[in-house]
Amino acid sequence: MLNYIPYVGQAVMITVLLMVGLGTETELFRILLPVICYASINFVEGQIFTPQFIGKTLTLNPFVIFLSITFWIWAWGPVGGLVAVPMLLIAQSVIAHVLPGKPVKPKRPIYRTRQMSDRDELLANAAQAVREHRMEEEAEPEKDQKRKQERLSPPAGTAPDGVDPAS
């Protein structure tokens, strides 16, 4: 739960472990042992395992997470702190799907003529890119049908047709 809040969550946990150690033990080593264990496990998890397995898919900057948590705690209080990261992930997903990630360029661009303005050229190329994209989408079901048919039908000369090939 405390991993949702970068840096602050770990600091809170280390403080709690240190206070429990101070309240229950008298030796310095035994007081610091849980803190050292937690810090080392958290470091290995946060610097090695999480980036290796999750880091390639989750592309949120820790500073943006911190700003999101700050805003949502200000807006909704403690409940805002719990929903800040999921709301940020939802917002990132919506923005990524609404805004184009790369410029719209056709495979065969339309070149500018004397009568065309910059805007006309841009619109013509965008329309060309949309047409090409539609043609690709329409061709995909036909390719899928053909592949499915090829998968379901046996190779030529192997289908039983009632005639024995040996005779």
Protein backbone atom coordinates (compact mmCIF):
# COMPACT_ATOMS: atom_id res chain seq x y z
CA MET A 1 0.00 0.00 0.00
CA LEU A 2 2.80 2.41 0.85
CA ASN A 3 4.51 1.71 -2.50
CA TYR A 4 1.79 3.76 -4.23
CA ILE A 5 3.38 6.89 -2.81
CA PRO A 6 7.00 6.98 -4.02
CA TYR A 7 9.63 7.99 -1.48
CA VAL A 8 7.07 9.01 1.15
CA GLY A 9 5.77 5.46 1.62
CA GLN A 10 9.24 4.05 2.21
CA ALA A 11 10.12 6.87 4.61
CA VAL A 12 6.95 6.21 6.64
CA MET A 13 7.70 2.48 6.83
CA ILE A 14 11.33 3.05 7.87
CA THR A 15 10.15 5.46 10.57
CA VAL A 16 7.60 2.96 11.87
CA LEU A 17 10.20 0.17 11.96
CA LEU A 18 12.68 2.44 13.73
CA MET A 19 10.10 3.48 16.36
CA VAL A 20 9.11 -0.15 17.00
CA GLY A 21 12.79 -1.09 17.26
CA LEU A 22 13.46 1.73 19.73
CA GLY A 23 10.47 0.68 21.82
CA THR A 24 11.29 -3.02 21.99
CA GLU A 25 15.10 -3.40 21.84
CA THR A 26 18.09 -1.94 23.67
CA GLU A 27 21.01 -2.88 21.38
CA LEU A 28 21.68 -0.54 18.47
CA PHE A 29 22.17 -3.41 16.01
CA ARG A 30 18.85 -5.06 16.96
CA ILE A 31 17.09 -1.69 16.73
CA LEU A 32 18.43 -1.06 13.22
CA LEU A 33 18.17 -4.65 11.90
CA PRO A 34 14.51 -4.42 10.73
CA VAL A 35 15.20 -1.02 9.16
CA ILE A 36 18.28 -2.34 7.33
CA CYS A 37 16.41 -5.46 6.15
CA TYR A 38 13.43 -3.45 4.92
CA ALA A 39 15.60 -0.84 3.21
CA SER A 40 17.74 -3.45 1.45
CA ILE A 41 14.75 -5.55 0.32
CA ASN A 42 12.92 -2.44 -0.84
CA PHE A 43 16.03 -1.20 -2.68
CA VAL A 44 16.51 -4.51 -4.51
CA GLU A 45 12.81 -4.71 -5.37
CA GLY A 46 12.58 -1.09 -6.48
CA GLN A 47 15.84 -0.89 -8.42
CA ILE A 48 16.11 -4.37 -9.96
CA PHE A 49 12.91 -6.42 -10.03
CA THR A 50 10.24 -3.79 -10.62
CA PRO A 51 12.04 -2.01 -13.47
CA GLN A 52 12.84 -5.36 -15.07
CA PHE A 53 9.29 -6.73 -15.05
CA ILE A 54 6.99 -3.72 -14.87
CA GLY A 55 9.13 -0.79 -15.94
CA LYS A 56 8.73 -1.52 -19.63
CA THR A 57 4.95 -1.13 -19.48
CA LEU A 58 4.45 1.46 -16.75
CA THR A 59 5.87 4.76 -17.93
CA LEU A 60 4.87 7.11 -15.14
CA ASN A 61 7.44 9.54 -13.84
CA PRO A 62 7.70 9.43 -10.01
CA PHE A 63 7.54 13.23 -9.89
CA VAL A 64 4.25 13.18 -11.82
CA ILE A 65 2.94 10.56 -9.38
CA PHE A 66 3.96 12.81 -6.48
CA LEU A 67 2.18 15.79 -8.07
CA SER A 68 -0.92 13.68 -8.68
CA ILE A 69 -0.99 12.47 -5.09
CA THR A 70 -0.50 16.02 -3.83
CA PHE A 71 -3.38 17.29 -5.97
CA TRP A 72 -5.78 14.49 -5.08
CA ILE A 73 -5.01 14.71 -1.35
CA TRP A 74 -5.70 18.44 -1.58
CA ALA A 75 -8.92 17.81 -3.50
CA TRP A 76 -10.32 14.79 -1.65
CA GLY A 77 -8.21 14.31 1.46
CA PRO A 78 -6.95 10.84 2.42
CA VAL A 79 -9.28 9.13 -0.06
CA GLY A 80 -7.68 11.20 -2.81
CA GLY A 81 -4.29 9.80 -1.86
CA LEU A 82 -5.62 6.29 -2.46
CA VAL A 83 -7.18 7.05 -5.84
CA ALA A 84 -4.42 9.35 -7.14
CA VAL A 85 -2.30 6.74 -8.94
CA PRO A 86 -5.22 4.82 -10.49
CA MET A 87 -6.72 8.13 -11.68
CA LEU A 88 -3.34 9.10 -13.14
CA LEU A 89 -3.12 5.77 -14.99
CA ILE A 90 -6.63 6.25 -16.36
CA ALA A 91 -5.81 9.80 -17.47
CA GLN A 92 -2.60 8.62 -19.14
CA SER A 93 -4.46 5.87 -20.98
CA VAL A 94 -7.20 8.22 -22.18
CA ILE A 95 -4.69 10.82 -23.34
CA ALA A 96 -2.59 8.18 -25.12
CA HIS A 97 -5.62 6.88 -27.01
CA VAL A 98 -7.16 10.26 -27.84
CA LEU A 99 -4.04 12.09 -28.98
CA PRO A 100 -2.08 10.56 -31.84
CA GLY A 101 1.30 9.21 -30.85
CA LYS A 102 2.91 9.78 -34.22
CA PRO A 103 2.25 12.18 -37.06
CA VAL A 104 -0.29 11.11 -39.64
CA LYS A 105 1.67 10.58 -42.84
CA PRO A 106 0.50 8.63 -45.86
CA LYS A 107 2.70 6.02 -47.53
CA ARG A 108 2.28 7.82 -50.83
CA PRO A 109 2.17 11.54 -49.97
CA ILE A 110 0.37 14.11 -52.05
CA TYR A 111 2.74 16.84 -53.16
CA ARG A 112 1.88 20.49 -53.16
CA THR A 113 0.78 22.21 -56.36
CA ARG A 114 0.71 25.91 -57.10
CA GLN A 115 -2.96 26.22 -56.20
CA MET A 116 -2.55 24.46 -52.81
CA SER A 117 -1.87 26.25 -49.57
CA ASP A 118 -0.03 24.63 -46.62
CA ARG A 119 -3.40 23.80 -45.09
CA ASP A 120 -4.66 22.18 -48.31
CA GLU A 121 -1.54 20.03 -48.54
CA LEU A 122 -1.87 18.96 -44.90
CA LEU A 123 -5.56 18.08 -45.31
CA ALA A 124 -4.93 16.20 -48.56
CA ASN A 125 -2.18 14.13 -46.95
CA ALA A 126 -4.33 13.43 -43.88
CA ALA A 127 -7.19 12.28 -46.13
CA GLN A 128 -4.75 10.09 -48.08
CA ALA A 129 -3.49 8.53 -44.83
CA VAL A 130 -7.07 7.82 -43.71
CA ARG A 131 -7.88 6.20 -47.08
CA GLU A 132 -4.76 4.02 -46.87
CA HIS A 133 -5.61 3.02 -43.31
CA ARG A 134 -9.17 2.05 -44.31
CA MET A 135 -7.90 0.00 -47.24
CA GLU A 136 -5.52 -1.85 -44.91
CA GLU A 137 -8.34 -2.54 -42.44
CA GLU A 138 -10.62 -3.82 -45.20
CA ALA A 139 -7.88 -6.11 -46.53
CA GLU A 140 -7.20 -7.69 -43.13
CA PRO A 141 -10.49 -9.65 -42.81
CA GLU A 142 -9.98 -11.09 -46.30
CA LYS A 143 -6.45 -12.16 -45.36
CA ASP A 144 -7.73 -13.65 -42.09
CA GLN A 145 -10.46 -15.57 -43.93
CA LYS A 146 -7.93 -16.90 -46.43
CA ARG A 147 -5.55 -17.97 -43.63
CA LYS A 148 -8.39 -19.66 -41.75
CA GLN A 149 -9.48 -21.49 -44.88
CA GLU A 150 -5.89 -22.62 -45.55
CA ARG A 151 -5.58 -23.85 -41.97
CA LEU A 152 -8.83 -25.82 -42.09
CA SER A 153 -8.32 -27.43 -45.50
CA PRO A 154 -5.83 -30.29 -45.82
CA PRO A 155 -2.89 -29.98 -48.18
CA ALA A 156 -3.52 -30.76 -51.83
CA GLY A 157 -3.60 -34.48 -52.63
CA THR A 158 -4.19 -35.57 -49.02
CA ALA A 159 -7.95 -35.07 -48.73
CA PRO A 160 -10.05 -38.25 -48.78
CA ASP A 161 -12.42 -38.00 -51.72
CA GLY A 162 -13.58 -41.58 -51.86
CA VAL A 163 -11.00 -42.62 -54.43
CA ASP A 164 -8.03 -44.68 -53.43
CA PRO A 165 -4.87 -43.02 -54.82
CA ALA A 166 -3.16 -46.42 -55.22
CA SER A 167 -5.70 -47.75 -57.70
